[in-house]
Amino acid sequence: MRRAVRAAAAGLAVAAGCVLVGLATDGADGRDGAAGAATGADDQAGTVRAAAGAAVIAPAARQDAPVLSGEDLDGNPVELAELRGQVVVLNVWGSWCGPCRAEADDLELLSRQTRADGVRFLGINTRDPDRAAARSFVRAHAVTFPSLHDPAGELLLRFPPALLNPQAVPSTLVIDRRGRIAAGIGGAVTAEQLRPLLARLAGEPS
């Protein structure tokens, strides 16, 4: 009997160690504890690990993206709703942000490569009071997709904090064809990291 109890206790200790290792791994990918916990819950609901530590949210659990509208860097009107029916990559960036410069060329490349698959890119330029600085960034990286100008970060506050930390720049959200948030990625991404995620979502029914 005592041997059975000792064996059961050892088994529980091993299981607890595995849980702690899993939590430590989630924390190491650049998300805070709350985000890691949310992802763990999503995994149990049927999500799949994706680019840069993101979790693809199961279709039944996806939330509608908030209403986003405003002006681009040239003063032209832009609305996220106009892209309904397409997979939308929503990238938060600033001209002052080093990691944003590192990912800009890859995002522009991917926006051209995936356009025929029904993927569209839309930026949210934040913390750039002067549009001239943001326009210089766009010219330097030959970015062709539009960006909403959001100098105070007001648009970012419309998203669930668990999916988009308004203090984390750059960040990327992927919106499915039905206008729902399918994935959130904190930090810079590369084309190779993002491409399989977009291929999967582009293959979903609209």
Protein backbone atom coordinates (compact mmCIF):
# COMPACT_ATOMS: atom_id res chain seq x y z
CA MET A 1 0.00 0.00 0.00
CA ARG A 2 2.81 2.41 0.94
CA ARG A 3 4.59 1.63 -2.34
CA ALA A 4 1.41 2.46 -4.28
CA VAL A 5 1.07 5.78 -2.47
CA ARG A 6 4.71 6.64 -3.13
CA ALA A 7 4.29 5.75 -6.82
CA ALA A 8 1.18 7.90 -7.13
CA ALA A 9 2.95 10.84 -5.46
CA ALA A 10 5.88 10.50 -7.83
CA GLY A 11 3.51 10.50 -10.79
CA LEU A 12 1.86 13.71 -9.57
CA ALA A 13 5.24 15.36 -9.14
CA VAL A 14 6.22 14.51 -12.72
CA ALA A 15 2.89 15.83 -14.02
CA ALA A 16 3.30 19.07 -12.08
CA GLY A 17 6.80 19.45 -13.48
CA CYS A 18 5.44 19.08 -17.02
CA VAL A 19 2.86 21.80 -16.38
CA LEU A 20 5.53 24.14 -15.05
CA VAL A 21 7.73 23.46 -18.09
CA GLY A 22 4.80 24.26 -20.37
CA LEU A 23 4.14 27.54 -18.56
CA ALA A 24 7.81 28.47 -18.71
CA THR A 25 7.84 27.80 -22.45
CA ASP A 26 4.82 30.07 -22.97
CA GLY A 27 6.49 32.83 -20.98
CA ALA A 28 9.66 32.57 -23.03
CA ASP A 29 8.01 33.45 -26.33
CA GLY A 30 7.65 37.12 -25.45
CA ARG A 31 4.08 37.19 -24.11
CA ASP A 32 3.15 38.18 -20.58
CA GLY A 33 1.69 35.70 -18.14
CA ALA A 34 -1.89 36.70 -18.84
CA ALA A 35 -1.46 36.20 -22.57
CA GLY A 36 0.18 32.84 -21.99
CA ALA A 37 -2.71 31.72 -19.82
CA ALA A 38 -5.22 32.84 -22.43
CA THR A 39 -3.37 30.89 -25.10
CA GLY A 40 -3.39 27.78 -22.93
CA ALA A 41 -7.17 28.01 -22.64
CA ASP A 42 -7.46 28.50 -26.38
CA ASP A 43 -5.30 25.43 -27.05
CA GLN A 44 -7.78 23.32 -25.08
CA ALA A 45 -10.57 24.80 -27.22
CA GLY A 46 -8.93 23.54 -30.41
CA THR A 47 -6.47 26.22 -31.49
CA VAL A 48 -3.21 25.49 -33.28
CA ARG A 49 0.23 26.96 -32.57
CA ALA A 50 1.32 29.29 -35.35
CA ALA A 51 3.85 31.94 -36.34
CA ALA A 52 5.99 33.59 -33.67
CA GLY A 53 4.15 31.91 -30.80
CA ALA A 54 0.69 32.99 -31.95
CA ALA A 55 -2.36 30.84 -31.51
CA VAL A 56 -4.88 30.41 -34.31
CA ILE A 57 -8.26 30.78 -32.63
CA ALA A 58 -10.80 28.09 -33.44
CA PRO A 59 -13.47 29.53 -35.78
CA ALA A 60 -16.31 29.07 -33.29
CA ALA A 61 -14.41 31.06 -30.65
CA ARG A 62 -13.38 34.03 -32.80
CA GLN A 63 -14.55 37.54 -31.93
CA ASP A 64 -15.61 40.10 -34.51
CA ALA A 65 -12.93 42.68 -35.24
CA PRO A 66 -13.89 46.16 -34.02
CA VAL A 67 -14.98 48.91 -36.37
CA LEU A 68 -11.86 50.65 -37.70
CA SER A 69 -12.07 53.73 -39.85
CA GLY A 70 -10.11 56.90 -40.32
CA GLU A 71 -7.60 58.48 -42.65
CA ASP A 72 -4.47 57.02 -44.15
CA LEU A 73 -1.14 58.82 -44.15
CA ASP A 74 -2.21 60.91 -47.14
CA GLY A 75 -5.56 61.90 -45.65
CA ASN A 76 -7.65 59.45 -47.66
CA PRO A 77 -10.55 57.61 -45.94
CA VAL A 78 -9.91 53.97 -45.00
CA GLU A 79 -12.26 51.40 -43.45
CA LEU A 80 -11.50 47.86 -42.36
CA ALA A 81 -15.07 46.88 -43.28
CA GLU A 82 -14.29 47.49 -46.96
CA LEU A 83 -11.95 44.47 -46.85
CA ARG A 84 -14.64 42.04 -45.64
CA GLY A 85 -14.40 38.78 -47.59
CA GLN A 86 -10.59 38.96 -47.66
CA VAL A 87 -8.07 37.70 -45.12
CA VAL A 88 -6.62 40.86 -43.58
CA VAL A 89 -3.19 41.25 -42.01
CA LEU A 90 -3.43 44.17 -39.61
CA ASN A 91 0.04 45.42 -38.66
CA VAL A 92 0.68 47.97 -35.89
CA TRP A 93 3.84 49.99 -36.49
CA GLY A 94 5.63 53.27 -35.88
CA SER A 95 8.40 55.07 -37.75
CA TRP A 96 10.36 55.30 -34.47
CA CYS A 97 10.25 51.50 -33.93
CA GLY A 98 13.39 49.49 -34.76
CA PRO A 99 11.67 46.08 -35.02
CA CYS A 100 9.08 47.68 -37.31
CA ARG A 101 11.86 48.62 -39.72
CA ALA A 102 13.19 45.06 -39.52
CA GLU A 103 9.86 43.50 -40.58
CA ALA A 104 8.63 46.12 -43.06
CA ASP A 105 10.33 44.68 -46.15
CA ASP A 106 9.03 41.18 -45.41
CA LEU A 107 5.48 42.45 -44.91
CA GLU A 108 5.55 44.34 -48.20
CA LEU A 109 6.92 41.29 -50.01
CA LEU A 110 4.25 39.04 -48.51
CA SER A 111 1.48 41.52 -49.30
CA ARG A 112 2.37 41.28 -52.99
CA GLN A 113 2.87 37.51 -52.97
CA THR A 114 -0.47 36.71 -51.28
CA ARG A 115 -2.74 39.25 -52.97
CA ALA A 116 -3.95 36.72 -55.55
CA ASP A 117 -4.95 34.43 -52.67
CA GLY A 118 -7.37 37.01 -51.29
CA VAL A 119 -5.08 38.45 -48.62
CA ARG A 120 -4.92 42.18 -47.95
CA PHE A 121 -2.61 44.15 -45.66
CA LEU A 122 -3.59 47.19 -43.60
CA GLY A 123 -1.30 49.07 -41.24
CA ILE A 124 -2.08 51.06 -38.12
CA ASN A 125 0.55 53.75 -37.67
CA THR A 126 0.76 54.71 -34.00
CA ARG A 127 2.61 57.27 -31.85
CA ASP A 128 3.66 59.26 -34.91
CA PRO A 129 2.13 62.73 -34.37
CA ASP A 130 3.78 63.93 -37.58
CA ARG A 131 2.55 62.06 -40.66
CA ALA A 132 5.68 63.17 -42.52
CA ALA A 133 7.84 60.82 -40.46
CA ALA A 134 5.46 57.94 -41.17
CA ARG A 135 5.41 58.75 -44.89
CA SER A 136 9.21 58.75 -44.95
CA PHE A 137 9.15 55.27 -43.41
CA VAL A 138 6.72 54.09 -46.09
CA ARG A 139 8.90 55.50 -48.89
CA ALA A 140 12.08 54.02 -47.43
CA HIS A 141 10.58 50.52 -47.42
CA ALA A 142 8.49 50.93 -50.59
CA VAL A 143 5.34 49.94 -48.69
CA THR A 144 2.32 49.88 -51.00
CA PHE A 145 -0.49 48.92 -48.61
CA PRO A 146 -2.35 51.70 -46.71
CA SER A 147 -2.07 52.52 -43.01
CA LEU A 148 -4.59 54.16 -40.73
CA HIS A 149 -3.03 57.11 -38.89
CA ASP A 150 -3.61 56.56 -35.16
CA PRO A 151 -1.13 58.80 -33.32
CA ALA A 152 -2.81 58.48 -29.90
CA GLY A 153 -3.40 54.74 -30.14
CA GLU A 154 -7.18 55.10 -29.87
CA LEU A 155 -7.88 52.40 -32.46
CA LEU A 156 -5.69 49.91 -30.62
CA LEU A 157 -7.84 50.20 -27.50
CA ARG A 158 -10.80 48.75 -29.39
CA PHE A 159 -9.20 45.31 -29.49
CA PRO A 160 -9.27 42.71 -26.68
CA PRO A 161 -6.09 43.25 -24.59
CA ALA A 162 -5.44 39.50 -24.60
CA LEU A 163 -5.04 39.64 -28.39
CA LEU A 164 -3.47 43.06 -28.84
CA ASN A 165 -1.41 44.81 -26.20
CA PRO A 166 -1.58 48.51 -27.15
CA GLN A 167 1.90 49.00 -25.69
CA ALA A 168 3.45 46.28 -27.86
CA VAL A 169 4.75 47.66 -31.15
CA PRO A 170 5.02 46.03 -33.61
CA SER A 171 2.06 43.70 -33.33
CA THR A 172 0.11 41.85 -35.99
CA LEU A 173 -3.47 40.60 -36.05
CA VAL A 174 -4.95 38.40 -38.74
CA ILE A 175 -8.65 38.85 -39.56
CA ASP A 176 -10.50 36.04 -41.32
CA ARG A 177 -12.80 36.41 -44.31
CA ARG A 178 -15.82 36.84 -42.03
CA GLY A 179 -14.28 39.79 -40.22
CA ARG A 180 -13.28 37.86 -37.08
CA ILE A 181 -9.95 37.97 -35.26
CA ALA A 182 -8.20 34.69 -36.05
CA ALA A 183 -4.72 35.28 -34.59
CA GLY A 184 -2.63 37.80 -32.70
CA ILE A 185 1.16 38.05 -32.83
CA GLY A 186 3.27 40.23 -30.56
CA GLY A 187 6.63 41.39 -31.89
CA ALA A 188 8.22 41.47 -35.31
CA VAL A 189 7.39 38.72 -37.81
CA THR A 190 9.02 37.43 -40.98
CA ALA A 191 7.42 36.40 -44.25
CA GLU A 192 8.36 32.77 -43.61
CA GLN A 193 6.68 32.81 -40.21
CA LEU A 194 3.50 34.45 -41.43
CA ARG A 195 3.04 32.67 -44.78
CA PRO A 196 1.73 29.29 -43.48
CA LEU A 197 -0.75 31.06 -41.20
CA LEU A 198 -2.12 33.08 -44.12
CA ALA A 199 -2.32 30.01 -46.34
CA ARG A 200 -4.39 28.23 -43.74
CA LEU A 201 -6.81 31.12 -43.24
CA ALA A 202 -7.07 31.84 -46.98
CA GLY A 203 -8.26 28.26 -47.40
CA GLU A 204 -11.14 28.70 -44.96
CA PRO A 205 -14.64 29.28 -46.39
CA SER A 206 -15.88 32.87 -46.47
